[in-house]
């Protein structure tokens, strides 16, 4: 894969603290400033419009990274990890429309 394609959505320092708390493949959920698990709707609710746009960007980037990791896991023969990551990316997508408004403990276990 070319370096340009690999860096698509990988610029994790775009929005500082939001990027640092965004979902990762190891912990595919949002975190509060104190490190507690939270959700996209919960974070977005208290932000000003400009900050909401930054959160939206980070959320979309996280979904991309996790979905890409799922594809790579499947291609590498790790179906269990691929399913875990695909489910996490799906949950994050659903959060954009208000589903999973409170932190879910059903994934990543």
PDB file of N, CA and C in Angstrom:
ATOM      1  N   UNK A   1       0.854  -1.182   0.000  1.00  0.00           N
ATOM      2  CA  UNK A   1       0.000   0.000   0.000  1.00  0.00           C
ATOM      3  C   UNK A   1       0.893   1.235   0.000  1.00  0.00           C
ATOM      4  N   UNK A   2       0.514   2.229  -0.731  1.00  0.00           N
ATOM      5  CA  UNK A   2       1.318   3.439  -0.811  1.00  0.00           C
ATOM      6  C   UNK A   2       1.229   4.226   0.490  1.00  0.00           C
ATOM      7  N   UNK A   3       2.269   5.010   0.823  1.00  0.00           N
ATOM      8  CA  UNK A   3       2.246   5.815   2.037  1.00  0.00           C
ATOM      9  C   UNK A   3       1.081   6.799   2.060  1.00  0.00           C
ATOM     10  N   UNK A   4       0.697   7.324   0.894  1.00  0.00           N
ATOM     11  CA  UNK A   4      -0.417   8.271   0.860  1.00  0.00           C
ATOM     12  C   UNK A   4      -1.728   7.610   1.268  1.00  0.00           C
ATOM     13  N   UNK A   5      -1.961   6.396   0.791  1.00  0.00           N
ATOM     14  CA  UNK A   5      -3.185   5.687   1.150  1.00  0.00           C
ATOM     15  C   UNK A   5      -3.159   5.283   2.617  1.00  0.00           C
ATOM     16  N   UNK A   6      -1.987   4.906   3.109  1.00  0.00           N
ATOM     17  CA  UNK A   6      -1.882   4.478   4.491  1.00  0.00           C
ATOM     18  C   UNK A   6      -2.121   5.633   5.458  1.00  0.00           C
ATOM     19  N   UNK A   7      -1.856   6.870   5.030  1.00  0.00           N
ATOM     20  CA  UNK A   7      -2.007   8.008   5.930  1.00  0.00           C
ATOM     21  C   UNK A   7      -3.407   8.627   5.871  1.00  0.00           C
ATOM     22  N   UNK A   8      -4.257   8.133   4.988  1.00  0.00           N
ATOM     23  CA  UNK A   8      -5.606   8.654   4.906  1.00  0.00           C
ATOM     24  C   UNK A   8      -6.295   8.481   6.250  1.00  0.00           C
ATOM     25  N   UNK A   9      -6.719   9.570   6.841  1.00  0.00           N
ATOM     26  CA  UNK A   9      -7.375   9.584   8.147  1.00  0.00           C
ATOM     27  C   UNK A   9      -6.466   9.173   9.300  1.00  0.00           C
ATOM     28  N   UNK A  10      -5.169   9.098   9.101  1.00  0.00           N
ATOM     29  CA  UNK A  10      -4.276   8.703  10.183  1.00  0.00           C
ATOM     30  C   UNK A  10      -3.642   9.892  10.901  1.00  0.00           C
ATOM     31  N   UNK A  11      -3.980  11.099  10.519  1.00  0.00           N
ATOM     32  CA  UNK A  11      -3.368  12.280  11.127  1.00  0.00           C
ATOM     33  C   UNK A  11      -4.022  12.557  12.482  1.00  0.00           C
ATOM     34  N   UNK A  12      -3.626  11.766  13.462  1.00  0.00           N
ATOM     35  CA  UNK A  12      -4.300  11.754  14.763  1.00  0.00           C
ATOM     36  C   UNK A  12      -4.102  13.021  15.575  1.00  0.00           C
ATOM     37  N   UNK A  13      -3.225  13.911  15.177  1.00  0.00           N
ATOM     38  CA  UNK A  13      -3.005  15.129  15.949  1.00  0.00           C
ATOM     39  C   UNK A  13      -3.808  16.307  15.414  1.00  0.00           C
ATOM     40  N   UNK A  14      -4.758  16.052  14.560  1.00  0.00           N
ATOM     41  CA  UNK A  14      -5.529  17.139  13.956  1.00  0.00           C
ATOM     42  C   UNK A  14      -6.248  17.978  14.983  1.00  0.00           C
ATOM     43  N   UNK A  15      -6.836  17.349  15.970  1.00  0.00           N
ATOM     44  CA  UNK A  15      -7.643  18.082  16.936  1.00  0.00           C
ATOM     45  C   UNK A  15      -7.238  17.763  18.364  1.00  0.00           C
ATOM     46  N   UNK A  16      -5.965  17.611  18.584  1.00  0.00           N
ATOM     47  CA  UNK A  16      -5.385  17.476  19.906  1.00  0.00           C
ATOM     48  C   UNK A  16      -6.094  16.542  20.859  1.00  0.00           C
ATOM     49  N   UNK A  17      -6.765  17.134  21.846  1.00  0.00           N
ATOM     50  CA  UNK A  17      -7.373  16.320  22.904  1.00  0.00           C
ATOM     51  C   UNK A  17      -8.475  15.400  22.379  1.00  0.00           C
ATOM     52  N   UNK A  18      -9.198  15.838  21.348  1.00  0.00           N
ATOM     53  CA  UNK A  18     -10.231  14.960  20.783  1.00  0.00           C
ATOM     54  C   UNK A  18      -9.595  13.729  20.150  1.00  0.00           C
ATOM     55  N   UNK A  19      -8.526  13.935  19.414  1.00  0.00           N
ATOM     56  CA  UNK A  19      -7.846  12.814  18.769  1.00  0.00           C
ATOM     57  C   UNK A  19      -7.270  11.860  19.806  1.00  0.00           C
ATOM     58  N   UNK A  20      -6.764  12.403  20.887  1.00  0.00           N
ATOM     59  CA  UNK A  20      -6.168  11.571  21.926  1.00  0.00           C
ATOM     60  C   UNK A  20      -7.206  10.701  22.623  1.00  0.00           C
ATOM     61  N   UNK A  21      -8.473  11.108  22.589  1.00  0.00           N
ATOM     62  CA  UNK A  21      -9.534  10.361  23.256  1.00  0.00           C
ATOM     63  C   UNK A  21     -10.410   9.589  22.284  1.00  0.00           C
ATOM     64  N   UNK A  22     -10.054   9.594  21.003  1.00  0.00           N
ATOM     65  CA  UNK A  22     -10.890   8.961  19.990  1.00  0.00           C
ATOM     66  C   UNK A  22     -10.736   7.442  20.008  1.00  0.00           C
ATOM     67  N   UNK A  23     -11.710   6.743  19.426  1.00  0.00           N
ATOM     68  CA  UNK A  23     -11.649   5.280  19.381  1.00  0.00           C
ATOM     69  C   UNK A  23     -10.418   4.777  18.628  1.00  0.00           C
ATOM     70  N   UNK A  24      -9.865   3.689  19.121  1.00  0.00           N
ATOM     71  CA  UNK A  24      -8.722   3.025  18.489  1.00  0.00           C
ATOM     72  C   UNK A  24      -9.077   1.555  18.285  1.00  0.00           C
ATOM     73  N   UNK A  25      -8.218   0.833  17.598  1.00  0.00           N
ATOM     74  CA  UNK A  25      -8.485  -0.587  17.416  1.00  0.00           C
ATOM     75  C   UNK A  25      -8.416  -1.341  18.741  1.00  0.00           C
ATOM     76  N   UNK A  26      -7.585  -0.901  19.650  1.00  0.00           N
ATOM     77  CA  UNK A  26      -7.480  -1.555  20.957  1.00  0.00           C
ATOM     78  C   UNK A  26      -8.628  -1.176  21.888  1.00  0.00           C
ATOM     79  N   UNK A  27      -9.055   0.062  21.801  1.00  0.00           N
ATOM     80  CA  UNK A  27     -10.145   0.577  22.657  1.00  0.00           C
ATOM     81  C   UNK A  27     -11.111   1.346  21.760  1.00  0.00           C
ATOM     82  N   UNK A  28     -11.994   0.644  21.037  1.00  0.00           N
ATOM     83  CA  UNK A  28     -12.837   1.282  20.018  1.00  0.00           C
ATOM     84  C   UNK A  28     -14.062   2.011  20.580  1.00  0.00           C
ATOM     85  N   UNK A  29     -13.807   2.964  21.450  1.00  0.00           N
ATOM     86  CA  UNK A  29     -14.866   3.783  22.029  1.00  0.00           C
ATOM     87  C   UNK A  29     -14.265   5.116  22.449  1.00  0.00           C
ATOM     88  N   UNK A  30     -15.115   6.117  22.578  1.00  0.00           N
ATOM     89  CA  UNK A  30     -14.682   7.440  23.018  1.00  0.00           C
ATOM     90  C   UNK A  30     -14.406   7.429  24.510  1.00  0.00           C
ATOM     91  N   UNK A  31     -13.486   8.292  24.932  1.00  0.00           N
ATOM     92  CA  UNK A  31     -13.166   8.445  26.335  1.00  0.00           C
ATOM     93  C   UNK A  31     -13.326   9.900  26.762  1.00  0.00           C
ATOM     94  N   UNK A  32     -13.709  10.099  28.018  1.00  0.00           N
ATOM     95  CA  UNK A  32     -13.805  11.447  28.590  1.00  0.00           C
ATOM     96  C   UNK A  32     -12.391  11.946  28.886  1.00  0.00           C
ATOM     97  N   UNK A  33     -12.247  13.234  29.235  1.00  0.00           N
ATOM     98  CA  UNK A  33     -10.906  13.730  29.599  1.00  0.00           C
ATOM     99  C   UNK A  33     -10.276  12.955  30.764  1.00  0.00           C
ATOM    100  N   UNK A  34     -11.090  12.343  31.604  1.00  0.00           N
ATOM    101  CA  UNK A  34     -10.550  11.561  32.725  1.00  0.00           C
ATOM    102  C   UNK A  34     -10.325  10.101  32.361  1.00  0.00           C
ATOM    103  N   UNK A  35     -10.605   9.738  31.111  1.00  0.00           N
ATOM    104  CA  UNK A  35     -10.349   8.390  30.633  1.00  0.00           C
ATOM    105  C   UNK A  35     -11.503   7.423  30.737  1.00  0.00           C
ATOM    106  N   UNK A  36     -12.658   7.881  31.193  1.00  0.00           N
ATOM    107  CA  UNK A  36     -13.820   7.002  31.297  1.00  0.00           C
ATOM    108  C   UNK A  36     -14.466   6.809  29.930  1.00  0.00           C
ATOM    109  N   UNK A  37     -15.056   5.650  29.734  1.00  0.00           N
ATOM    110  CA  UNK A  37     -15.725   5.343  28.472  1.00  0.00           C
ATOM    111  C   UNK A  37     -16.973   6.214  28.318  1.00  0.00           C
ATOM    112  N   UNK A  38     -17.172   6.727  27.099  1.00  0.00           N
ATOM    113  CA  UNK A  38     -18.354   7.528  26.792  1.00  0.00           C
ATOM    114  C   UNK A  38     -18.743   7.265  25.339  1.00  0.00           C
ATOM    115  N   UNK A  39     -19.684   8.033  24.816  1.00  0.00           N
ATOM    116  CA  UNK A  39     -20.138   7.832  23.443  1.00  0.00           C
ATOM    117  C   UNK A  39     -20.053   9.131  22.650  1.00  0.00           C
ATOM    118  N   UNK A  40     -20.139   8.985  21.350  1.00  0.00           N
ATOM    119  CA  UNK A  40     -20.126  10.133  20.447  1.00  0.00           C
ATOM    120  C   UNK A  40     -21.269  11.112  20.756  1.00  0.00           C
ATOM    121  N   UNK A  41     -22.521  10.648  20.893  1.00  0.00           N
ATOM    122  CA  UNK A  41     -23.596  11.600  21.200  1.00  0.00           C
ATOM    123  C   UNK A  41     -23.385  12.331  22.525  1.00  0.00           C
ATOM    124  N   UNK A  42     -22.872  11.623  23.509  1.00  0.00           N
ATOM    125  CA  UNK A  42     -22.651  12.252  24.811  1.00  0.00           C
ATOM    126  C   UNK A  42     -21.587  13.335  24.714  1.00  0.00           C
ATOM    127  N   UNK A  43     -20.529  13.079  23.975  1.00  0.00           N
ATOM    128  CA  UNK A  43     -19.478  14.089  23.798  1.00  0.00           C
ATOM    129  C   UNK A  43     -19.979  15.277  22.990  1.00  0.00           C
ATOM    130  N   UNK A  44     -20.705  14.982  21.929  1.00  0.00           N
ATOM    131  CA  UNK A  44     -21.149  16.030  21.000  1.00  0.00           C
ATOM    132  C   UNK A  44     -22.149  16.988  21.643  1.00  0.00           C
ATOM    133  N   UNK A  45     -22.953  16.474  22.561  1.00  0.00           N
ATOM    134  CA  UNK A  45     -24.037  17.266  23.152  1.00  0.00           C
ATOM    135  C   UNK A  45     -23.561  18.542  23.815  1.00  0.00           C
ATOM    136  N   UNK A  46     -22.403  18.535  24.415  1.00  0.00           N
ATOM    137  CA  UNK A  46     -21.958  19.709  25.149  1.00  0.00           C
ATOM    138  C   UNK A  46     -20.983  20.606  24.416  1.00  0.00           C
ATOM    139  N   UNK A  47     -20.822  20.417  23.112  1.00  0.00           N
ATOM    140  CA  UNK A  47     -19.823  21.184  22.371  1.00  0.00           C
ATOM    141  C   UNK A  47     -20.433  22.311  21.548  1.00  0.00           C
ATOM    142  N   UNK A  48     -19.635  23.354  21.338  1.00  0.00           N
ATOM    143  CA  UNK A  48     -20.022  24.435  20.425  1.00  0.00           C
ATOM    144  C   UNK A  48     -19.909  23.915  18.994  1.00  0.00           C
ATOM    145  N   UNK A  49     -20.538  24.624  18.056  1.00  0.00           N
ATOM    146  CA  UNK A  49     -20.623  24.163  16.660  1.00  0.00           C
ATOM    147  C   UNK A  49     -19.254  23.849  16.048  1.00  0.00           C
ATOM    148  N   UNK A  50     -18.271  24.713  16.222  1.00  0.00           N
ATOM    149  CA  UNK A  50     -16.955  24.468  15.623  1.00  0.00           C
ATOM    150  C   UNK A  50     -16.314  23.222  16.223  1.00  0.00           C
ATOM    151  N   UNK A  51     -16.459  23.049  17.493  1.00  0.00           N
ATOM    152  CA  UNK A  51     -15.890  21.887  18.169  1.00  0.00           C
ATOM    153  C   UNK A  51     -16.652  20.613  17.771  1.00  0.00           C
ATOM    154  N   UNK A  52     -17.954  20.735  17.502  1.00  0.00           N
ATOM    155  CA  UNK A  52     -18.719  19.580  17.015  1.00  0.00           C
ATOM    156  C   UNK A  52     -18.179  19.114  15.673  1.00  0.00           C
ATOM    157  N   UNK A  53     -17.839  20.065  14.794  1.00  0.00           N
ATOM    158  CA  UNK A  53     -17.278  19.703  13.485  1.00  0.00           C
ATOM    159  C   UNK A  53     -15.958  18.961  13.654  1.00  0.00           C
ATOM    160  N   UNK A  54     -15.140  19.397  14.593  1.00  0.00           N
ATOM    161  CA  UNK A  54     -13.874  18.716  14.851  1.00  0.00           C
ATOM    162  C   UNK A  54     -14.126  17.299  15.370  1.00  0.00           C
ATOM    163  N   UNK A  55     -15.089  17.170  16.264  1.00  0.00           N
ATOM    164  CA  UNK A  55     -15.442  15.844  16.777  1.00  0.00           C
ATOM    165  C   UNK A  55     -15.967  14.960  15.654  1.00  0.00           C
ATOM    166  N   UNK A  56     -16.798  15.523  14.786  1.00  0.00           N
ATOM    167  CA  UNK A  56     -17.322  14.768  13.642  1.00  0.00           C
ATOM    168  C   UNK A  56     -16.173  14.225  12.787  1.00  0.00           C
ATOM    169  N   UNK A  57     -15.174  15.065  12.519  1.00  0.00           N
ATOM    170  CA  UNK A  57     -14.007  14.643  11.732  1.00  0.00           C
ATOM    171  C   UNK A  57     -13.274  13.495  12.424  1.00  0.00           C
ATOM    172  N   UNK A  58     -13.060  13.631  13.715  1.00  0.00           N
ATOM    173  CA  UNK A  58     -12.354  12.592  14.459  1.00  0.00           C
ATOM    174  C   UNK A  58     -13.147  11.294  14.486  1.00  0.00           C
ATOM    175  N   UNK A  59     -14.454  11.416  14.608  1.00  0.00           N
ATOM    176  CA  UNK A  59     -15.311  10.225  14.651  1.00  0.00           C
ATOM    177  C   UNK A  59     -15.247   9.475  13.317  1.00  0.00           C
ATOM    178  N   UNK A  60     -15.375  10.205  12.223  1.00  0.00           N
ATOM    179  CA  UNK A  60     -15.298   9.577  10.898  1.00  0.00           C
ATOM    180  C   UNK A  60     -13.936   8.937  10.670  1.00  0.00           C
ATOM    181  N   UNK A  61     -12.885   9.596  11.101  1.00  0.00           N
ATOM    182  CA  UNK A  61     -11.538   9.054  10.942  1.00  0.00           C
ATOM    183  C   UNK A  61     -11.370   7.779  11.754  1.00  0.00           C
ATOM    184  N   UNK A  62     -11.914   7.750  12.960  1.00  0.00           N
ATOM    185  CA  UNK A  62     -11.815   6.557  13.803  1.00  0.00           C
ATOM    186  C   UNK A  62     -12.560   5.383  13.164  1.00  0.00           C
ATOM    187  N   UNK A  63     -13.743   5.648  12.623  1.00  0.00           N
ATOM    188  CA  UNK A  63     -14.508   4.586  11.949  1.00  0.00           C
ATOM    189  C   UNK A  63     -13.695   4.024  10.790  1.00  0.00           C
ATOM    190  N   UNK A  64     -13.095   4.900  10.012  1.00  0.00           N
ATOM    191  CA  UNK A  64     -12.270   4.469   8.882  1.00  0.00           C
ATOM    192  C   UNK A  64     -11.119   3.582   9.348  1.00  0.00           C
ATOM    193  N   UNK A  65     -10.385   4.035  10.361  1.00  0.00           N
ATOM    194  CA  UNK A  65      -9.222   3.277  10.832  1.00  0.00           C
ATOM    195  C   UNK A  65      -9.626   1.894  11.351  1.00  0.00           C
ATOM    196  N   UNK A  66     -10.732   1.834  12.083  1.00  0.00           N
ATOM    197  CA  UNK A  66     -11.161   0.555  12.648  1.00  0.00           C
ATOM    198  C   UNK A  66     -11.695  -0.372  11.556  1.00  0.00           C
ATOM    199  N   UNK A  67     -12.456   0.176  10.614  1.00  0.00           N
ATOM    200  CA  UNK A  67     -12.949  -0.646   9.497  1.00  0.00           C
ATOM    201  C   UNK A  67     -11.790  -1.151   8.649  1.00  0.00           C
ATOM    202  N   UNK A  68     -10.799  -0.309   8.408  1.00  0.00           N
ATOM    203  CA  UNK A  68      -9.622  -0.728   7.639  1.00  0.00           C
ATOM    204  C   UNK A  68      -8.889  -1.844   8.372  1.00  0.00           C
ATOM    205  N   UNK A  69      -8.767  -1.737   9.681  1.00  0.00           N
ATOM    206  CA  UNK A  69      -8.110  -2.785  10.461  1.00  0.00           C
ATOM    207  C   UNK A  69      -8.895  -4.094  10.389  1.00  0.00           C
ATOM    208  N   UNK A  70     -10.225  -3.998  10.352  1.00  0.00           N
ATOM    209  CA  UNK A  70     -11.055  -5.195  10.208  1.00  0.00           C
ATOM    210  C   UNK A  70     -10.789  -5.877   8.868  1.00  0.00           C
ATOM    211  N   UNK A  71     -10.718  -5.085   7.825  1.00  0.00           N
ATOM    212  CA  UNK A  71     -10.432  -5.626   6.489  1.00  0.00           C
ATOM    213  C   UNK A  71      -9.068  -6.306   6.478  1.00  0.00           C
ATOM    214  N   UNK A  72      -8.077  -5.666   7.064  1.00  0.00           N
ATOM    215  CA  UNK A  72      -6.731  -6.237   7.095  1.00  0.00           C
ATOM    216  C   UNK A  72      -6.691  -7.510   7.935  1.00  0.00           C
ATOM    217  N   UNK A  73      -7.418  -7.539   9.044  1.00  0.00           N
ATOM    218  CA  UNK A  73      -7.456  -8.745   9.871  1.00  0.00           C
ATOM    219  C   UNK A  73      -8.083  -9.902   9.092  1.00  0.00           C
ATOM    220  N   UNK A  74      -9.175  -9.614   8.389  1.00  0.00           N
ATOM    221  CA  UNK A  74      -9.835 -10.653   7.581  1.00  0.00           C
ATOM    222  C   UNK A  74      -8.898 -11.146   6.491  1.00  0.00           C
ATOM    223  N   UNK A  75      -8.231 -10.218   5.829  1.00  0.00           N
ATOM    224  CA  UNK A  75      -7.290 -10.595   4.768  1.00  0.00           C
ATOM    225  C   UNK A  75      -6.127 -11.413   5.315  1.00  0.00           C
ATOM    226  N   UNK A  76      -5.770 -11.140   6.566  1.00  0.00           N
ATOM    227  CA  UNK A  76      -4.671 -11.865   7.196  1.00  0.00           C
ATOM    228  C   UNK A  76      -5.086 -13.176   7.841  1.00  0.00           C
ATOM    229  N   UNK A  77      -6.363 -13.533   7.713  1.00  0.00           N
ATOM    230  CA  UNK A  77      -6.827 -14.808   8.224  1.00  0.00           C
ATOM    231  C   UNK A  77      -7.297 -14.800   9.672  1.00  0.00           C
ATOM    232  N   UNK A  78      -7.413 -13.616  10.267  1.00  0.00           N
ATOM    233  CA  UNK A  78      -7.864 -13.526  11.662  1.00  0.00           C
ATOM    234  C   UNK A  78      -9.329 -13.112  11.701  1.00  0.00           C
ATOM    235  N   UNK A  79     -10.193 -14.076  11.441  1.00  0.00           N
ATOM    236  CA  UNK A  79     -11.622 -13.792  11.371  1.00  0.00           C
ATOM    237  C   UNK A  79     -12.206 -13.273  12.672  1.00  0.00           C
ATOM    238  N   UNK A  80     -11.734 -13.795  13.796  1.00  0.00           N
ATOM    239  CA  UNK A  80     -12.256 -13.350  15.092  1.00  0.00           C
ATOM    240  C   UNK A  80     -11.972 -11.862  15.312  1.00  0.00           C
ATOM    241  N   UNK A  81     -10.763 -11.449  15.049  1.00  0.00           N
ATOM    242  CA  UNK A  81     -10.404 -10.034  15.199  1.00  0.00           C
ATOM    243  C   UNK A  81     -11.139  -9.178  14.172  1.00  0.00           C
ATOM    244  N   UNK A  82     -11.283  -9.682  12.975  1.00  0.00           N
ATOM    245  CA  UNK A  82     -12.012  -8.946  11.936  1.00  0.00           C
ATOM    246  C   UNK A  82     -13.449  -8.690  12.367  1.00  0.00           C
ATOM    247  N   UNK A  83     -14.098  -9.695  12.921  1.00  0.00           N
ATOM    248  CA  UNK A  83     -15.484  -9.530  13.384  1.00  0.00           C
ATOM    249  C   UNK A  83     -15.575  -8.551  14.552  1.00  0.00           C
ATOM    250  N   UNK A  84     -14.628  -8.618  15.482  1.00  0.00           N
ATOM    251  CA  UNK A  84     -14.622  -7.693  16.616  1.00  0.00           C
ATOM    252  C   UNK A  84     -14.504  -6.250  16.136  1.00  0.00           C
ATOM    253  N   UNK A  85     -13.581  -6.021  15.229  1.00  0.00           N
ATOM    254  CA  UNK A  85     -13.361  -4.667  14.719  1.00  0.00           C
ATOM    255  C   UNK A  85     -14.525  -4.192  13.853  1.00  0.00           C
ATOM    256  N   UNK A  86     -15.074  -5.072  13.026  1.00  0.00           N
ATOM    257  CA  UNK A  86     -16.214  -4.692  12.188  1.00  0.00           C
ATOM    258  C   UNK A  86     -17.411  -4.319  13.055  1.00  0.00           C
ATOM    259  N   UNK A  87     -17.631  -5.068  14.125  1.00  0.00           N
ATOM    260  CA  UNK A  87     -18.738  -4.760  15.019  1.00  0.00           C
ATOM    261  C   UNK A  87     -18.508  -3.423  15.718  1.00  0.00           C
ATOM    262  N   UNK A  88     -17.271  -3.153  16.112  1.00  0.00           N
ATOM    263  CA  UNK A  88     -16.955  -1.881  16.764  1.00  0.00           C
ATOM    264  C   UNK A  88     -17.160  -0.710  15.801  1.00  0.00           C
ATOM    265  N   UNK A  89     -16.720  -0.864  14.553  1.00  0.00           N
ATOM    266  CA  UNK A  89     -16.921   0.195  13.558  1.00  0.00           C
ATOM    267  C   UNK A  89     -18.408   0.408  13.301  1.00  0.00           C
ATOM    268  N   UNK A  90     -19.161  -0.678  13.267  1.00  0.00           N
ATOM    269  CA  UNK A  90     -20.606  -0.578  13.074  1.00  0.00           C
ATOM    270  C   UNK A  90     -21.254   0.183  14.225  1.00  0.00           C
ATOM    271  N   UNK A  91     -20.862  -0.128  15.437  1.00  0.00           N
ATOM    272  CA  UNK A  91     -21.426   0.570  16.589  1.00  0.00           C
ATOM    273  C   UNK A  91     -21.118   2.066  16.517  1.00  0.00           C
ATOM    274  N   UNK A  92     -19.900   2.405  16.134  1.00  0.00           N
ATOM    275  CA  UNK A  92     -19.536   3.821  16.008  1.00  0.00           C
ATOM    276  C   UNK A  92     -20.370   4.506  14.934  1.00  0.00           C
ATOM    277  N   UNK A  93     -20.645   3.806  13.838  1.00  0.00           N
ATOM    278  CA  UNK A  93     -21.525   4.369  12.801  1.00  0.00           C
ATOM    279  C   UNK A  93     -22.919   4.612  13.364  1.00  0.00           C
ATOM    280  N   UNK A  94     -23.413   3.681  14.128  1.00  0.00           N
ATOM    281  CA  UNK A  94     -24.746   3.822  14.708  1.00  0.00           C
ATOM    282  C   UNK A  94     -24.807   4.974  15.704  1.00  0.00           C
ATOM    283  N   UNK A  95     -23.710   5.256  16.361  1.00  0.00           N
ATOM    284  CA  UNK A  95     -23.680   6.382  17.295  1.00  0.00           C
ATOM    285  C   UNK A  95     -23.946   7.712  16.589  1.00  0.00           C
ATOM    286  N   UNK A  96     -23.644   7.806  15.307  1.00  0.00           N
ATOM    287  CA  UNK A  96     -23.844   9.073  14.583  1.00  0.00           C
ATOM    288  C   UNK A  96     -25.314   9.440  14.472  1.00  0.00           C
ATOM    289  N   UNK A  97     -26.204   8.455  14.613  1.00  0.00           N
ATOM    290  CA  UNK A  97     -27.640   8.726  14.540  1.00  0.00           C
ATOM    291  C   UNK A  97     -28.322   8.574  15.894  1.00  0.00           C
ATOM    292  N   UNK A  98     -27.512   8.593  16.953  1.00  0.00           N
ATOM    293  CA  UNK A  98     -28.061   8.602  18.292  1.00  0.00           C
ATOM    294  C   UNK A  98     -28.239   7.255  18.955  1.00  0.00           C
ATOM    295  N   UNK A  99     -27.923   6.179  18.245  1.00  0.00           N
ATOM    296  CA  UNK A  99     -27.980   4.874  18.891  1.00  0.00           C
ATOM    297  C   UNK A  99     -26.763   4.728  19.805  1.00  0.00           C
ATOM    298  N   UNK A 100     -26.866   3.922  20.812  1.00  0.00           N
ATOM    299  CA  UNK A 100     -25.765   3.718  21.760  1.00  0.00           C
ATOM    300  C   UNK A 100     -25.401   5.019  22.460  1.00  0.00           C
ATOM    301  N   UNK A 101     -26.383   5.820  22.816  1.00  0.00           N
ATOM    302  CA  UNK A 101     -26.118   7.137  23.411  1.00  0.00           C
ATOM    303  C   UNK A 101     -25.386   7.048  24.736  1.00  0.00           C
ATOM    304  N   UNK A 102     -25.535   5.969  25.435  1.00  0.00           N
ATOM    305  CA  UNK A 102     -24.757   5.786  26.659  1.00  0.00           C
ATOM    306  C   UNK A 102     -23.709   4.732  26.379  1.00  0.00           C
ATOM    307  N   UNK A 103     -22.623   4.738  27.085  1.00  0.00           N
ATOM    308  CA  UNK A 103     -21.556   3.771  26.807  1.00  0.00           C
ATOM    309  C   UNK A 103     -22.055   2.335  26.840  1.00  0.00           C
ATOM    310  N   UNK A 104     -21.622   1.597  25.841  1.00  0.00           N
ATOM    311  CA  UNK A 104     -22.033   0.200  25.744  1.00  0.00           C
ATOM    312  C   UNK A 104     -20.934  -0.691  26.292  1.00  0.00           C
ATOM    313  N   UNK A 105     -21.320  -1.643  27.076  1.00  0.00           N
ATOM    314  CA  UNK A 105     -20.365  -2.612  27.586  1.00  0.00           C
ATOM    315  C   UNK A 105     -20.483  -3.927  26.839  1.00  0.00           C
ATOM    316  N   UNK A 106     -21.212  -3.914  25.718  1.00  0.00           N
ATOM    317  CA  UNK A 106     -21.446  -5.147  24.986  1.00  0.00           C
ATOM    318  C   UNK A 106     -20.339  -5.472  24.008  1.00  0.00           C
ATOM    319  N   UNK A 107     -19.502  -4.507  23.675  1.00  0.00           N
ATOM    320  CA  UNK A 107     -18.450  -4.761  22.695  1.00  0.00           C
ATOM    321  C   UNK A 107     -17.108  -4.789  23.388  1.00  0.00           C
ATOM    322  N   UNK A 108     -16.124  -5.204  22.687  1.00  0.00           N
ATOM    323  CA  UNK A 108     -14.743  -5.190  23.134  1.00  0.00           C
ATOM    324  C   UNK A 108     -14.515  -6.140  24.308  1.00  0.00           C
ATOM    325  N   UNK A 109     -15.369  -7.105  24.483  1.00  0.00           N
ATOM    326  CA  UNK A 109     -15.213  -8.046  25.597  1.00  0.00           C
ATOM    327  C   UNK A 109     -14.905  -9.421  25.041  1.00  0.00           C
TER     328      UNK A 109
END
